[in-house]
Amino acid sequence: MNILKNTLAVLVGLTIGSLINGAIISISSIVIAPPEGVDVNTVEGLKAGIHLFEPKHFLVPFIAHAMGTFVGAILTTIIAVTHKLKFALAIGIIFLIAGIVNVIMLPAPVWFNISDLLLAYIPTAFLAYKLTNKNK
């Protein structure tokens, strides 16, 4: 039964975390308007116009990556029966892999790629675990 609950914990964490990430990304152009003429709805449009982006344009994607990972890891930690830290970090690692794929696909500035990969995934998953288990 523990295996089933732990598997469910990871699936719920990945699903809800991904939905949150996607929802934040989908409203990013409302929060901070993209540069004039840049199509942010396609990978090709992003590739063509990413050189026009200012640091402010990378704030919402970073928040989306961190919040998706954070909420996913919190849910996983709450639902998992055993090995909570391992499963929370697994969420961070899976989202990190997706972040690496994103870095390969989109030519974002090096400063953003480094800060996103180093700060948005594993640290937020660990923080989610610590905050969820602070009294245990």
N, C-alpha and C. Protein backbone atom coordinates (compact mmCIF):
# COMPACT_ATOMS: atom_id res chain seq x y z
N MET A 1 0.82 -1.20 0.00
CA MET A 1 0.00 0.00 0.00
C MET A 1 0.86 1.27 0.00
N ASN A 2 2.01 1.24 0.71
CA ASN A 2 2.91 2.39 0.72
C ASN A 2 3.42 2.73 -0.67
N ILE A 3 3.74 1.70 -1.45
CA ILE A 3 4.24 1.92 -2.81
C ILE A 3 3.20 2.64 -3.65
N LEU A 4 1.95 2.24 -3.52
CA LEU A 4 0.87 2.86 -4.27
C LEU A 4 0.70 4.33 -3.85
N LYS A 5 0.70 4.60 -2.57
CA LYS A 5 0.54 5.98 -2.07
C LYS A 5 1.73 6.84 -2.49
N ASN A 6 2.93 6.30 -2.40
CA ASN A 6 4.12 7.05 -2.80
C ASN A 6 4.13 7.35 -4.29
N THR A 7 3.72 6.37 -5.09
CA THR A 7 3.62 6.58 -6.54
C THR A 7 2.58 7.64 -6.84
N LEU A 8 1.45 7.57 -6.16
CA LEU A 8 0.40 8.58 -6.33
C LEU A 8 0.92 9.95 -5.93
N ALA A 9 1.70 10.02 -4.86
CA ALA A 9 2.27 11.29 -4.39
C ALA A 9 3.11 11.94 -5.47
N VAL A 10 3.96 11.16 -6.10
CA VAL A 10 4.83 11.70 -7.16
C VAL A 10 4.00 12.11 -8.37
N LEU A 11 3.04 11.31 -8.76
CA LEU A 11 2.20 11.65 -9.91
C LEU A 11 1.39 12.91 -9.67
N VAL A 12 0.83 13.03 -8.47
CA VAL A 12 0.07 14.25 -8.14
C VAL A 12 1.00 15.45 -8.13
N GLY A 13 2.16 15.32 -7.51
CA GLY A 13 3.12 16.42 -7.47
C GLY A 13 3.55 16.87 -8.86
N LEU A 14 3.85 15.91 -9.72
CA LEU A 14 4.26 16.26 -11.08
C LEU A 14 3.12 16.90 -11.87
N THR A 15 1.92 16.36 -11.72
CA THR A 15 0.78 16.87 -12.48
C THR A 15 0.41 18.28 -12.04
N ILE A 16 0.20 18.47 -10.74
CA ILE A 16 -0.21 19.79 -10.25
C ILE A 16 0.93 20.80 -10.42
N GLY A 17 2.16 20.38 -10.17
CA GLY A 17 3.30 21.27 -10.38
C GLY A 17 3.41 21.73 -11.82
N SER A 18 3.20 20.81 -12.74
CA SER A 18 3.25 21.15 -14.17
C SER A 18 2.11 22.09 -14.56
N LEU A 19 0.93 21.85 -14.01
CA LEU A 19 -0.20 22.73 -14.29
C LEU A 19 0.05 24.14 -13.77
N ILE A 20 0.63 24.25 -12.60
CA ILE A 20 0.93 25.57 -12.04
C ILE A 20 2.00 26.26 -12.88
N ASN A 21 3.04 25.54 -13.23
CA ASN A 21 4.09 26.09 -14.09
C ASN A 21 3.46 26.61 -15.39
N GLY A 22 2.67 25.78 -16.04
CA GLY A 22 2.04 26.17 -17.30
C GLY A 22 1.09 27.34 -17.16
N ALA A 23 0.33 27.38 -16.06
CA ALA A 23 -0.61 28.48 -15.85
C ALA A 23 0.14 29.80 -15.67
N ILE A 24 1.21 29.78 -14.92
CA ILE A 24 1.99 31.01 -14.71
C ILE A 24 2.64 31.45 -16.02
N ILE A 25 3.20 30.50 -16.76
CA ILE A 25 3.79 30.83 -18.07
C ILE A 25 2.74 31.41 -19.00
N SER A 26 1.53 30.85 -18.97
CA SER A 26 0.48 31.31 -19.89
C SER A 26 0.04 32.75 -19.62
N ILE A 27 0.21 33.22 -18.39
CA ILE A 27 -0.16 34.61 -18.09
C ILE A 27 1.05 35.55 -18.08
N SER A 28 2.21 35.03 -18.39
CA SER A 28 3.43 35.85 -18.30
C SER A 28 3.38 37.08 -19.19
N SER A 29 2.81 36.95 -20.38
CA SER A 29 2.77 38.10 -21.28
C SER A 29 1.73 39.13 -20.84
N ILE A 30 0.83 38.74 -19.95
CA ILE A 30 -0.12 39.69 -19.37
C ILE A 30 0.55 40.46 -18.24
N VAL A 31 1.35 39.73 -17.45
CA VAL A 31 2.04 40.34 -16.31
C VAL A 31 3.13 41.29 -16.79
N ILE A 32 3.97 40.83 -17.70
CA ILE A 32 5.03 41.65 -18.29
C ILE A 32 4.94 41.48 -19.81
N ALA A 33 4.54 42.53 -20.49
CA ALA A 33 4.35 42.45 -21.94
C ALA A 33 5.67 42.11 -22.63
N PRO A 34 5.60 41.20 -23.61
CA PRO A 34 6.82 40.86 -24.35
C PRO A 34 7.23 42.04 -25.24
N PRO A 35 8.47 42.03 -25.71
CA PRO A 35 8.90 43.09 -26.62
C PRO A 35 8.00 43.13 -27.86
N GLU A 36 7.85 44.29 -28.40
CA GLU A 36 7.01 44.51 -29.57
C GLU A 36 7.37 43.55 -30.71
N GLY A 37 6.38 42.85 -31.24
CA GLY A 37 6.58 41.98 -32.39
C GLY A 37 7.07 40.57 -32.09
N VAL A 38 7.27 40.23 -30.82
CA VAL A 38 7.76 38.90 -30.47
C VAL A 38 6.56 37.98 -30.21
N ASP A 39 6.53 36.86 -30.90
CA ASP A 39 5.49 35.85 -30.70
C ASP A 39 5.94 34.90 -29.60
N VAL A 40 5.33 35.02 -28.42
CA VAL A 40 5.73 34.18 -27.30
C VAL A 40 4.92 32.88 -27.23
N ASN A 41 4.08 32.64 -28.23
CA ASN A 41 3.23 31.45 -28.23
C ASN A 41 3.84 30.25 -28.93
N THR A 42 4.98 30.46 -29.57
CA THR A 42 5.65 29.34 -30.25
C THR A 42 7.13 29.35 -29.90
N VAL A 43 7.75 28.20 -29.96
CA VAL A 43 9.18 28.09 -29.73
C VAL A 43 9.94 28.89 -30.79
N GLU A 44 9.47 28.82 -32.02
CA GLU A 44 10.14 29.54 -33.11
C GLU A 44 10.08 31.05 -32.87
N GLY A 45 8.91 31.53 -32.43
CA GLY A 45 8.76 32.96 -32.14
C GLY A 45 9.66 33.40 -31.01
N LEU A 46 9.75 32.57 -29.97
CA LEU A 46 10.65 32.88 -28.85
C LEU A 46 12.10 32.90 -29.31
N LYS A 47 12.49 31.90 -30.08
CA LYS A 47 13.87 31.85 -30.57
C LYS A 47 14.21 33.09 -31.39
N ALA A 48 13.25 33.50 -32.23
CA ALA A 48 13.50 34.64 -33.11
C ALA A 48 13.58 35.96 -32.35
N GLY A 49 12.87 36.06 -31.23
CA GLY A 49 12.82 37.35 -30.54
C GLY A 49 13.47 37.40 -29.18
N ILE A 50 14.08 36.32 -28.74
CA ILE A 50 14.62 36.28 -27.38
C ILE A 50 15.73 37.31 -27.17
N HIS A 51 16.41 37.69 -28.24
CA HIS A 51 17.47 38.70 -28.11
C HIS A 51 16.91 40.07 -27.72
N LEU A 52 15.60 40.26 -27.86
CA LEU A 52 14.97 41.52 -27.50
C LEU A 52 14.50 41.55 -26.05
N PHE A 53 14.55 40.41 -25.39
CA PHE A 53 14.07 40.33 -24.01
C PHE A 53 15.02 41.04 -23.06
N GLU A 54 14.44 41.69 -22.07
CA GLU A 54 15.19 42.34 -21.00
C GLU A 54 15.13 41.43 -19.77
N PRO A 55 15.95 41.68 -18.76
CA PRO A 55 15.90 40.84 -17.55
C PRO A 55 14.50 40.68 -16.96
N LYS A 56 13.69 41.73 -17.02
CA LYS A 56 12.33 41.65 -16.46
C LYS A 56 11.49 40.56 -17.13
N HIS A 57 11.77 40.26 -18.38
CA HIS A 57 11.00 39.24 -19.10
C HIS A 57 11.29 37.82 -18.62
N PHE A 58 12.37 37.65 -17.88
CA PHE A 58 12.74 36.33 -17.39
C PHE A 58 12.26 36.09 -15.96
N LEU A 59 11.69 37.10 -15.34
CA LEU A 59 11.22 36.97 -13.96
C LEU A 59 10.05 35.99 -13.86
N VAL A 60 9.04 36.13 -14.69
CA VAL A 60 7.87 35.26 -14.61
C VAL A 60 8.22 33.80 -14.95
N PRO A 61 9.02 33.53 -15.98
CA PRO A 61 9.41 32.14 -16.21
C PRO A 61 10.14 31.52 -15.02
N PHE A 62 11.02 32.30 -14.37
CA PHE A 62 11.71 31.78 -13.19
C PHE A 62 10.71 31.47 -12.08
N ILE A 63 9.79 32.38 -11.85
CA ILE A 63 8.75 32.15 -10.82
C ILE A 63 7.92 30.93 -11.17
N ALA A 64 7.58 30.76 -12.44
CA ALA A 64 6.79 29.60 -12.87
C ALA A 64 7.54 28.30 -12.59
N HIS A 65 8.81 28.27 -12.92
CA HIS A 65 9.62 27.06 -12.70
C HIS A 65 9.74 26.76 -11.21
N ALA A 66 10.02 27.80 -10.43
CA ALA A 66 10.18 27.61 -8.98
C ALA A 66 8.86 27.23 -8.32
N MET A 67 7.78 27.90 -8.66
CA MET A 67 6.48 27.62 -8.02
C MET A 67 5.93 26.26 -8.42
N GLY A 68 6.09 25.88 -9.67
CA GLY A 68 5.64 24.56 -10.10
C GLY A 68 6.36 23.47 -9.33
N THR A 69 7.67 23.63 -9.20
CA THR A 69 8.47 22.66 -8.45
C THR A 69 8.09 22.69 -6.97
N PHE A 70 7.95 23.87 -6.41
CA PHE A 70 7.65 24.05 -4.99
C PHE A 70 6.32 23.40 -4.62
N VAL A 71 5.27 23.72 -5.36
CA VAL A 71 3.94 23.16 -5.06
C VAL A 71 3.94 21.66 -5.30
N GLY A 72 4.57 21.22 -6.38
CA GLY A 72 4.64 19.79 -6.65
C GLY A 72 5.34 19.03 -5.53
N ALA A 73 6.43 19.60 -5.02
CA ALA A 73 7.18 18.95 -3.94
C ALA A 73 6.39 18.99 -2.62
N ILE A 74 5.67 20.08 -2.37
CA ILE A 74 4.83 20.13 -1.16
C ILE A 74 3.77 19.04 -1.21
N LEU A 75 3.07 18.95 -2.32
CA LEU A 75 2.03 17.93 -2.43
C LEU A 75 2.60 16.53 -2.30
N THR A 76 3.73 16.31 -2.94
CA THR A 76 4.37 15.00 -2.86
C THR A 76 4.76 14.68 -1.42
N THR A 77 5.31 15.65 -0.73
CA THR A 77 5.71 15.44 0.66
C THR A 77 4.50 15.15 1.55
N ILE A 78 3.42 15.84 1.33
CA ILE A 78 2.21 15.64 2.13
C ILE A 78 1.61 14.26 1.88
N ILE A 79 1.56 13.85 0.64
CA ILE A 79 0.89 12.60 0.27
C ILE A 79 1.76 11.37 0.54
N ALA A 80 3.07 11.49 0.32
CA ALA A 80 3.96 10.33 0.48
C ALA A 80 3.91 9.81 1.91
N VAL A 81 4.02 8.51 2.02
CA VAL A 81 3.96 7.85 3.33
C VAL A 81 5.36 7.68 3.90
N THR A 82 6.31 7.34 3.06
CA THR A 82 7.69 7.13 3.48
C THR A 82 8.63 7.87 2.54
N HIS A 83 9.87 8.04 2.94
CA HIS A 83 10.91 8.63 2.09
C HIS A 83 10.49 9.99 1.52
N LYS A 84 9.87 10.80 2.33
CA LYS A 84 9.33 12.08 1.87
C LYS A 84 10.39 12.98 1.23
N LEU A 85 11.57 13.06 1.85
CA LEU A 85 12.62 13.89 1.28
C LEU A 85 13.04 13.38 -0.10
N LYS A 86 13.21 12.08 -0.21
CA LYS A 86 13.62 11.51 -1.50
C LYS A 86 12.60 11.83 -2.59
N PHE A 87 11.31 11.71 -2.25
CA PHE A 87 10.29 11.97 -3.26
C PHE A 87 10.18 13.46 -3.59
N ALA A 88 10.34 14.32 -2.59
CA ALA A 88 10.34 15.76 -2.86
C ALA A 88 11.50 16.13 -3.78
N LEU A 89 12.68 15.57 -3.49
CA LEU A 89 13.83 15.84 -4.35
C LEU A 89 13.67 15.22 -5.73
N ALA A 90 12.97 14.10 -5.81
CA ALA A 90 12.69 13.50 -7.12
C ALA A 90 11.87 14.47 -7.98
N ILE A 91 10.92 15.16 -7.35
CA ILE A 91 10.14 16.17 -8.08
C ILE A 91 11.09 17.26 -8.58
N GLY A 92 11.98 17.71 -7.71
CA GLY A 92 12.96 18.73 -8.12
C GLY A 92 13.83 18.26 -9.26
N ILE A 93 14.26 17.02 -9.21
CA ILE A 93 15.12 16.47 -10.27
C ILE A 93 14.36 16.36 -11.59
N ILE A 94 13.14 15.90 -11.53
CA ILE A 94 12.34 15.76 -12.77
C ILE A 94 12.10 17.13 -13.39
N PHE A 95 11.75 18.11 -12.56
CA PHE A 95 11.56 19.46 -13.09
C PHE A 95 12.89 20.04 -13.58
N LEU A 96 13.99 19.72 -12.92
CA LEU A 96 15.31 20.17 -13.38
C LEU A 96 15.62 19.60 -14.76
N ILE A 97 15.31 18.34 -14.98
CA ILE A 97 15.52 17.74 -16.30
C ILE A 97 14.71 18.49 -17.35
N ALA A 98 13.46 18.83 -17.02
CA ALA A 98 12.64 19.62 -17.95
C ALA A 98 13.27 20.99 -18.18
N GLY A 99 13.85 21.57 -17.13
CA GLY A 99 14.54 22.85 -17.27
C GLY A 99 15.74 22.75 -18.18
N ILE A 100 16.48 21.66 -18.08
CA ILE A 100 17.64 21.45 -18.96
C ILE A 100 17.19 21.32 -20.40
N VAL A 101 16.11 20.61 -20.62
CA VAL A 101 15.55 20.49 -21.98
C VAL A 101 15.17 21.88 -22.49
N ASN A 102 14.57 22.68 -21.62
CA ASN A 102 14.19 24.05 -21.99
C ASN A 102 15.41 24.87 -22.37
N VAL A 103 16.50 24.73 -21.62
CA VAL A 103 17.74 25.45 -21.92
C VAL A 103 18.27 25.04 -23.30
N ILE A 104 18.16 23.78 -23.62
CA ILE A 104 18.63 23.28 -24.91
C ILE A 104 17.75 23.82 -26.05
N MET A 105 16.45 23.90 -25.81
CA MET A 105 15.51 24.33 -26.85
C MET A 105 15.50 25.84 -27.08
N LEU A 106 15.62 26.63 -26.01
CA LEU A 106 15.52 28.08 -26.12
C LEU A 106 16.85 28.75 -25.79
N PRO A 107 17.30 29.62 -26.65
CA PRO A 107 18.59 30.28 -26.43
C PRO A 107 18.47 31.48 -25.49
N ALA A 108 18.13 31.23 -24.24
CA ALA A 108 18.04 32.30 -23.24
C ALA A 108 19.45 32.73 -22.82
N PRO A 109 19.55 33.88 -22.20
CA PRO A 109 20.87 34.33 -21.73
C PRO A 109 21.48 33.36 -20.72
N VAL A 110 22.79 33.27 -20.72
CA VAL A 110 23.50 32.35 -19.83
C VAL A 110 23.18 32.64 -18.37
N TRP A 111 23.11 33.92 -17.99
CA TRP A 111 22.82 34.27 -16.59
C TRP A 111 21.49 33.69 -16.15
N PHE A 112 20.48 33.73 -17.05
CA PHE A 112 19.17 33.19 -16.70
C PHE A 112 19.24 31.66 -16.60
N ASN A 113 19.85 31.03 -17.58
CA ASN A 113 19.94 29.57 -17.57
C ASN A 113 20.62 29.06 -16.29
N ILE A 114 21.71 29.70 -15.92
CA ILE A 114 22.44 29.26 -14.72
C ILE A 114 21.60 29.48 -13.47
N SER A 115 21.04 30.67 -13.32
CA SER A 115 20.24 30.94 -12.11
C SER A 115 18.99 30.07 -12.07
N ASP A 116 18.36 29.85 -13.20
CA ASP A 116 17.16 29.01 -13.24
C ASP A 116 17.50 27.57 -12.86
N LEU A 117 18.53 27.02 -13.46
CA LEU A 117 18.89 25.62 -13.19
C LEU A 117 19.41 25.42 -11.77
N LEU A 118 20.10 26.41 -11.24
CA LEU A 118 20.67 26.26 -9.89
C LEU A 118 19.69 26.59 -8.77
N LEU A 119 18.71 27.46 -9.03
CA LEU A 119 17.86 27.95 -7.94
C LEU A 119 16.39 27.54 -8.00
N ALA A 120 15.87 27.28 -9.19
CA ALA A 120 14.42 27.07 -9.31
C ALA A 120 13.95 25.65 -9.01
N TYR A 121 14.83 24.69 -8.96
CA TYR A 121 14.36 23.31 -8.90
C TYR A 121 14.75 22.59 -7.60
N ILE A 122 15.97 22.18 -7.46
CA ILE A 122 16.38 21.41 -6.28
C ILE A 122 16.21 22.23 -4.99
N PRO A 123 16.67 23.48 -4.95
CA PRO A 123 16.48 24.24 -3.71
C PRO A 123 15.01 24.43 -3.33
N THR A 124 14.15 24.67 -4.32
CA THR A 124 12.74 24.87 -3.98
C THR A 124 12.08 23.56 -3.55
N ALA A 125 12.49 22.46 -4.14
CA ALA A 125 11.96 21.16 -3.71
C ALA A 125 12.39 20.87 -2.27
N PHE A 126 13.64 21.18 -1.95
CA PHE A 126 14.14 20.96 -0.59
C PHE A 126 13.42 21.90 0.39
N LEU A 127 13.24 23.14 0.01
CA LEU A 127 12.52 24.10 0.85
C LEU A 127 11.08 23.64 1.09
N ALA A 128 10.44 23.13 0.06
CA ALA A 128 9.07 22.62 0.21
C ALA A 128 9.03 21.48 1.22
N TYR A 129 9.98 20.59 1.12
CA TYR A 129 10.06 19.48 2.09
C TYR A 129 10.26 20.02 3.50
N LYS A 130 11.22 20.94 3.67
CA LYS A 130 11.52 21.48 5.00
C LYS A 130 10.31 22.21 5.60
N LEU A 131 9.63 22.99 4.80
CA LEU A 131 8.47 23.74 5.30
C LEU A 131 7.31 22.82 5.63
N THR A 132 7.15 21.76 4.87
CA THR A 132 6.07 20.81 5.11
C THR A 132 6.34 19.95 6.33
N ASN A 133 7.60 19.71 6.63
CA ASN A 133 7.97 18.83 7.74
C ASN A 133 8.67 19.56 8.88
N LYS A 134 8.42 20.84 9.04
CA LYS A 134 9.17 21.61 10.04
C LYS A 134 8.89 21.19 11.48
N ASN A 135 7.73 20.62 11.75
CA ASN A 135 7.41 20.19 13.12
C ASN A 135 7.60 18.70 13.36
N LYS A 136 8.16 18.01 12.39
CA LYS A 136 8.29 16.56 12.53
C LYS A 136 9.71 16.16 12.79
